[in-house]
C-alpha atoms as a PDB file:
ATOM      1  CA  MET A   1       7.154   2.233  10.105  1.00  0.00           C
ATOM      2  CA  GLU A   2      10.362   0.333  10.698  1.00  0.00           C
ATOM      3  CA  ARG A   3       8.657  -1.648  13.489  1.00  0.00           C
ATOM      4  CA  VAL A   4       5.770  -2.511  11.198  1.00  0.00           C
ATOM      5  CA  LEU A   5       8.187  -3.655   8.496  1.00  0.00           C
ATOM      6  CA  ASN A   6      10.111  -5.759  11.012  1.00  0.00           C
ATOM      7  CA  TYR A   7       6.838  -7.331  12.163  1.00  0.00           C
ATOM      8  CA  LEU A   8       5.823  -8.079   8.582  1.00  0.00           C
ATOM      9  CA  LEU A   9       9.220  -9.635   7.932  1.00  0.00           C
ATOM     10  CA  THR A  10       8.470 -12.195  10.656  1.00  0.00           C
ATOM     11  CA  LEU A  11       5.362 -13.350   8.765  1.00  0.00           C
ATOM     12  CA  THR A  12       5.318 -15.772   5.868  1.00  0.00           C
ATOM     13  CA  PRO A  13       3.940 -14.510   2.550  1.00  0.00           C
ATOM     14  CA  ARG A  14       0.813 -16.614   3.005  1.00  0.00           C
ATOM     15  CA  GLN A  15       0.210 -15.112   6.435  1.00  0.00           C
ATOM     16  CA  VAL A  16       0.482 -11.619   4.936  1.00  0.00           C
ATOM     17  CA  LEU A  17      -1.998 -12.553   2.186  1.00  0.00           C
ATOM     18  CA  VAL A  18      -4.462 -14.004   4.707  1.00  0.00           C
ATOM     19  CA  ARG A  19      -4.249 -10.878   6.889  1.00  0.00           C
ATOM     20  CA  LEU A  20      -4.705  -8.675   3.817  1.00  0.00           C
ATOM     21  CA  TRP A  21      -7.832 -10.569   2.783  1.00  0.00           C
ATOM     22  CA  LEU A  22      -9.244 -10.601   6.324  1.00  0.00           C
ATOM     23  CA  LEU A  23      -8.895  -6.823   6.536  1.00  0.00           C
ATOM     24  CA  LEU A  24     -10.431  -6.321   3.086  1.00  0.00           C
ATOM     25  CA  LEU A  25     -13.339  -8.663   3.823  1.00  0.00           C
ATOM     26  CA  THR A  26     -13.942  -6.936   7.144  1.00  0.00           C
ATOM     27  CA  GLY A  27     -13.983  -3.581   5.370  1.00  0.00           C
ATOM     28  CA  ALA A  28     -16.390  -4.938   2.762  1.00  0.00           C
ATOM     29  CA  ALA A  29     -18.655  -6.348   5.462  1.00  0.00           C
ATOM     30  CA  ILE A  30     -18.910  -3.117   7.423  1.00  0.00           C
ATOM     31  CA  SER A  31     -19.364  -1.033   4.282  1.00  0.00           C
ATOM     32  CA  GLY A  32     -22.974  -2.215   4.212  1.00  0.00           C
ATOM     33  CA  ILE A  33     -23.654  -0.152   7.324  1.00  0.00           C
ATOM     34  CA  ARG A  34     -24.367   3.343   5.972  1.00  0.00           C
ATOM     35  CA  LEU A  35     -22.798   5.158   8.927  1.00  0.00           C
ATOM     36  CA  LEU A  36     -19.578   3.118   8.672  1.00  0.00           C
ATOM     37  CA  SER A  37     -19.281   3.085   4.876  1.00  0.00           C
ATOM     38  CA  GLY A  38     -16.673   5.856   4.856  1.00  0.00           C
ATOM     39  CA  VAL A  39     -14.559   4.139   7.496  1.00  0.00           C
ATOM     40  CA  ALA A  40     -14.777   0.850   5.579  1.00  0.00           C
ATOM     41  CA  SER A  41     -13.698   2.490   2.324  1.00  0.00           C
ATOM     42  CA  ALA A  42     -10.819   4.303   4.040  1.00  0.00           C
ATOM     43  CA  VAL A  43      -9.625   1.092   5.687  1.00  0.00           C
ATOM     44  CA  CYS A  44      -9.736  -0.792   2.395  1.00  0.00           C
ATOM     45  CA  ILE A  45      -7.769   1.895   0.534  1.00  0.00           C
ATOM     46  CA  ILE A  46      -5.160   2.064   3.295  1.00  0.00           C
ATOM     47  CA  VAL A  47      -4.843  -1.743   3.368  1.00  0.00           C
ATOM     48  CA  LEU A  48      -4.381  -1.908  -0.405  1.00  0.00           C
ATOM     49  CA  VAL A  49      -1.570   0.663  -0.515  1.00  0.00           C
ATOM     50  CA  GLY A  50      -0.289   0.243   3.037  1.00  0.00           C
ATOM     51  CA  TYR A  51       2.256  -2.472   2.262  1.00  0.00           C
ATOM     52  CA  SER A  52       3.984  -0.221  -0.260  1.00  0.00           C
ATOM     53  CA  HIS A  53       4.063   2.642   2.256  1.00  0.00           C
ATOM     54  CA  VAL A  54       5.550   0.336   4.898  1.00  0.00           C
ATOM     55  CA  VAL A  55       8.311  -0.745   2.501  1.00  0.00           C
ATOM     56  CA  VAL A  56       9.132   2.845   1.509  1.00  0.00           C
ATOM     57  CA  LEU A  57       9.006   4.372   4.993  1.00  0.00           C
ATOM     58  CA  GLY A  58      10.282   1.370   6.934  1.00  0.00           C
ATOM     59  CA  ALA A  59      13.344   0.520   4.889  1.00  0.00           C
ATOM     60  CA  SER A  60      16.485   2.065   6.293  1.00  0.00           C
ATOM     61  CA  SER A  61      17.986   1.963   2.801  1.00  0.00           C
ATOM     62  CA  SER A  62      15.399   4.368   1.335  1.00  0.00           C
ATOM     63  CA  SER A  63      16.917   7.609   0.154  1.00  0.00           C
ATOM     64  CA  PRO A  64      15.858  10.769   2.027  1.00  0.00           C
ATOM     65  CA  VAL A  65      14.070  12.086  -1.068  1.00  0.00           C
ATOM     66  CA  VAL A  66      12.053   8.881  -1.477  1.00  0.00           C
ATOM     67  CA  LYS A  67      11.173   8.864   2.234  1.00  0.00           C
ATOM     68  CA  ARG A  68      10.155  12.533   2.144  1.00  0.00           C
ATOM     69  CA  PHE A  69       7.956  11.947  -0.886  1.00  0.00           C
ATOM     70  CA  GLY A  70       6.537   8.811   0.738  1.00  0.00           C
ATOM     71  CA  ARG A  71       5.677  10.768   3.896  1.00  0.00           C
ATOM     72  CA  LEU A  72       3.951  13.444   1.821  1.00  0.00           C
ATOM     73  CA  LEU A  73       1.886  10.841  -0.037  1.00  0.00           C
ATOM     74  CA  CYS A  74       1.074   9.120   3.246  1.00  0.00           C
ATOM     75  CA  ALA A  75      -0.137  12.432   4.689  1.00  0.00           C
ATOM     76  CA  VAL A  76      -2.309  13.167   1.624  1.00  0.00           C
ATOM     77  CA  LEU A  77      -3.781   9.673   1.802  1.00  0.00           C
ATOM     78  CA  GLY A  78      -4.350  10.003   5.546  1.00  0.00           C
ATOM     79  CA  VAL A  79      -6.157  13.331   5.189  1.00  0.00           C
ATOM     80  CA  PHE A  80      -8.282  11.887   2.387  1.00  0.00           C
ATOM     81  CA  ALA A  81      -9.086   8.745   4.404  1.00  0.00           C
ATOM     82  CA  LEU A  82     -10.089  10.835   7.419  1.00  0.00           C
ATOM     83  CA  ALA A  83     -12.240  13.136   5.306  1.00  0.00           C
ATOM     84  CA  MET A  84     -13.805  10.180   3.523  1.00  0.00           C
ATOM     85  CA  SER A  85     -14.593   8.517   6.851  1.00  0.00           C
ATOM     86  CA  ILE A  86     -16.443  11.590   8.037  1.00  0.00           C
ATOM     87  CA  ILE A  87     -18.098  12.823   4.829  1.00  0.00           C
ATOM     88  CA  MET A  88     -18.969   9.653   2.901  1.00  0.00           C
ATOM     89  CA  PRO A  89     -21.946   8.507   5.022  1.00  0.00           C
ATOM     90  CA  PHE A  90     -23.663  11.838   4.350  1.00  0.00           C
ATOM     91  CA  LEU A  91     -23.094  11.960   0.591  1.00  0.00           C
ATOM     92  CA  GLU A  92     -25.826  11.130  -1.848  1.00  0.00           C
ATOM     93  CA  LEU A  93     -24.789   8.281  -4.141  1.00  0.00           C
ATOM     94  CA  ARG A  94     -25.126   9.133  -7.823  1.00  0.00           C
ATOM     95  CA  GLY A  95     -23.426   8.544 -11.155  1.00  0.00           C
ATOM     96  CA  VAL A  96     -20.327  10.222 -12.511  1.00  0.00           C
ATOM     97  CA  ASP A  97     -20.796  13.879 -13.452  1.00  0.00           C
ATOM     98  CA  SER A  98     -19.142  14.445 -16.826  1.00  0.00           C
ATOM     99  CA  SER A  99     -20.157  18.083 -17.153  1.00  0.00           C
ATOM    100  CA  LEU A 100     -17.713  20.915 -16.659  1.00  0.00           C
ATOM    101  CA  SER A 101     -19.575  22.372 -13.701  1.00  0.00           C
ATOM    102  CA  ALA A 102     -17.814  23.884 -10.706  1.00  0.00           C
ATOM    103  CA  GLU A 103     -18.670  20.781  -8.706  1.00  0.00           C
ATOM    104  CA  GLY A 104     -17.030  18.596 -11.367  1.00  0.00           C
ATOM    105  CA  TRP A 105     -13.849  20.681 -11.304  1.00  0.00           C
ATOM    106  CA  ILE A 106     -13.709  20.558  -7.502  1.00  0.00           C
ATOM    107  CA  GLY A 107     -14.097  16.787  -7.666  1.00  0.00           C
ATOM    108  CA  LEU A 108     -11.277  16.599 -10.209  1.00  0.00           C
ATOM    109  CA  ALA A 109      -9.059  18.840  -8.065  1.00  0.00           C
ATOM    110  CA  ILE A 110      -9.587  16.480  -5.125  1.00  0.00           C
ATOM    111  CA  ALA A 111      -9.304  13.273  -7.158  1.00  0.00           C
ATOM    112  CA  LEU A 112      -5.978  14.101  -8.810  1.00  0.00           C
ATOM    113  CA  PRO A 113      -3.787  14.312  -5.661  1.00  0.00           C
ATOM    114  CA  VAL A 114      -5.632  11.376  -4.120  1.00  0.00           C
ATOM    115  CA  ASN A 115      -5.004   9.212  -7.182  1.00  0.00           C
ATOM    116  CA  ILE A 116      -1.352  10.218  -7.126  1.00  0.00           C
ATOM    117  CA  ALA A 117      -1.194   9.336  -3.413  1.00  0.00           C
ATOM    118  CA  VAL A 118      -2.782   5.950  -4.110  1.00  0.00           C
ATOM    119  CA  PHE A 119      -0.711   4.849  -7.112  1.00  0.00           C
ATOM    120  CA  VAL A 120       2.764   6.366  -6.652  1.00  0.00           C
ATOM    121  CA  PRO A 121       3.645   4.279  -3.551  1.00  0.00           C
ATOM    122  CA  PHE A 122       3.697   1.169  -5.743  1.00  0.00           C
ATOM    123  CA  PHE A 123       6.405   2.786  -7.895  1.00  0.00           C
ATOM    124  CA  LEU A 124       8.327   4.024  -4.842  1.00  0.00           C
ATOM    125  CA  ALA A 125       8.257   0.596  -3.172  1.00  0.00           C
ATOM    126  CA  THR A 126       9.393  -1.013  -6.421  1.00  0.00           C
ATOM    127  CA  HIS A 127      12.278   1.479  -6.545  1.00  0.00           C
ATOM    128  CA  VAL A 128      13.305   0.763  -2.935  1.00  0.00           C
ATOM    129  CA  ILE A 129      13.187  -3.024  -3.384  1.00  0.00           C
ATOM    130  CA  SER A 130      15.099  -2.799  -6.682  1.00  0.00           C
ATOM    131  CA  ASP A 131      17.795  -0.598  -5.089  1.00  0.00           C
ATOM    132  CA  VAL A 132      18.304  -3.059  -2.240  1.00  0.00           C
ATOM    133  CA  ARG A 133      18.455  -6.016  -4.623  1.00  0.00           C
ATOM    134  CA  ARG A 134      20.860  -4.081  -6.884  1.00  0.00           C
ATOM    135  CA  ALA A 135      23.144  -3.364  -3.905  1.00  0.00           C
ATOM    136  CA  LYS A 136      23.122  -7.074  -3.004  1.00  0.00           C
ATOM    137  CA  GLY A 137      23.988  -8.019  -6.582  1.00  0.00           C
ATOM    138  CA  VAL A 138      20.851 -10.134  -7.156  1.00  0.00           C
ATOM    139  CA  TYR A 139      18.956  -7.659  -9.331  1.00  0.00           C
ATOM    140  CA  LYS A 140      18.371  -8.746 -12.912  1.00  0.00           C
ATOM    141  CA  THR A 141      17.403  -6.527 -15.812  1.00  0.00           C
ATOM    142  CA  PHE A 142      13.671  -5.735 -15.774  1.00  0.00           C
ATOM    143  CA  ASP A 143      13.235  -7.156 -12.241  1.00  0.00           C
ATOM    144  CA  PHE A 144      11.252  -4.027 -11.463  1.00  0.00           C
ATOM    145  CA  PHE A 145       8.338  -5.122 -13.648  1.00  0.00           C
ATOM    146  CA  PRO A 146       7.233  -8.291 -11.776  1.00  0.00           C
ATOM    147  CA  THR A 147       7.932  -6.483  -8.492  1.00  0.00           C
ATOM    148  CA  PHE A 148       5.640  -3.614  -9.455  1.00  0.00           C
ATOM    149  CA  LEU A 149       2.922  -5.974 -10.676  1.00  0.00           C
ATOM    150  CA  ALA A 150       3.163  -8.033  -7.495  1.00  0.00           C
ATOM    151  CA  LEU A 151       2.760  -4.941  -5.327  1.00  0.00           C
ATOM    152  CA  TYR A 152      -0.017  -3.495  -7.456  1.00  0.00           C
ATOM    153  CA  PHE A 153      -1.983  -6.745  -7.639  1.00  0.00           C
ATOM    154  CA  GLY A 154      -1.029  -7.823  -4.143  1.00  0.00           C
ATOM    155  CA  TRP A 155      -4.524  -8.699  -3.058  1.00  0.00           C
ATOM    156  CA  PHE A 156      -4.800 -11.144  -5.978  1.00  0.00           C
ATOM    157  CA  GLY A 157      -1.851 -13.066  -4.532  1.00  0.00           C
ATOM    158  CA  GLY A 158       0.987 -10.902  -5.828  1.00  0.00           C
ATOM    159  CA  ILE A 159       1.821 -10.056  -2.232  1.00  0.00           C
ATOM    160  CA  ILE A 160       3.250 -13.582  -1.913  1.00  0.00           C
ATOM    161  CA  TYR A 161       5.921 -12.795  -4.522  1.00  0.00           C
ATOM    162  CA  ALA A 162       6.462  -9.239  -3.258  1.00  0.00           C
ATOM    163  CA  HIS A 163       6.777 -10.348   0.365  1.00  0.00           C
ATOM    164  CA  ARG A 164       9.299 -13.042  -0.568  1.00  0.00           C
ATOM    165  CA  LEU A 165      11.398 -10.373  -2.278  1.00  0.00           C
ATOM    166  CA  VAL A 166      11.114  -8.058   0.726  1.00  0.00           C
ATOM    167  CA  ARG A 167      12.092 -10.851   3.138  1.00  0.00           C
ATOM    168  CA  GLU A 168      15.105 -11.719   0.970  1.00  0.00           C
ATOM    169  CA  SER A 169      16.109  -8.084   0.490  1.00  0.00           C
ATOM    170  CA  PHE A 170      15.843  -6.616   3.968  1.00  0.00           C
ATOM    171  CA  PRO A 171      18.083  -8.135   6.647  1.00  0.00           C
ATOM    172  CA  ASN A 172      16.238  -6.496   9.578  1.00  0.00           C
ATOM    173  CA  ALA A 173      14.568  -9.704  10.658  1.00  0.00           C
ATOM    174  CA  SER A 174      16.979 -12.302   9.311  1.00  0.00           C
ATOM    175  CA  SER A 175      16.861 -14.309  12.538  1.00  0.00           C
ATOM    176  CA  GLN A 176      13.056 -14.410  12.502  1.00  0.00           C
ATOM    177  CA  HIS A 177      13.131 -15.155   8.768  1.00  0.00           C
ATOM    178  CA  SER A 178      15.173 -18.314   9.278  1.00  0.00           C
ATOM    179  CA  ALA A 179      12.958 -19.332  12.193  1.00  0.00           C
ATOM    180  CA  GLY A 180       9.802 -18.690  10.179  1.00  0.00           C
ATOM    181  CA  GLY A 181      10.309 -21.496   7.683  1.00  0.00           C
ATOM    182  CA  ASN A 182      10.707 -21.458   3.959  1.00  0.00           C
ATOM    183  CA  GLY A 183       8.550 -18.380   3.360  1.00  0.00           C
ATOM    184  CA  GLY A 184       5.746 -20.204   1.577  1.00  0.00           C
END
């Protein structure tokens, strides 16, 4: 993941946003093909949370506990994405089952760890970025809030703010950063 983070650090925030949208639009386009709908959904989920995973697992400053938890969440998400890729084309589409049937409980048992695996990386990445900024002395009170919102709503353009913070915070590609322009 460190290589992926270093590669992303060479890109401007706009380039990251464009790549994010291209991947999401590609996933949306291939989701219309019934046989590839599971793959498209898995790709879109991974793209949406992937940046946060790259920050958590690629940053050398992440604590071992955060990295271990990030790896576990990445594994849960990977297993879910693989299962979704295989199973989704064969599932019958229907509404939400609100009854307390065995099938509903099984769905809930699957959905809970998957939702945790999808949403917790945003908090972990916010923690890692805040720790690095705190160590550099540039962290301000409540800086975590816009960072979290930028990561969570990255595909709406928040990735521009988040990527600027990551480029400023992580020195891994400082030479490419200065060669890459002003970051906008």
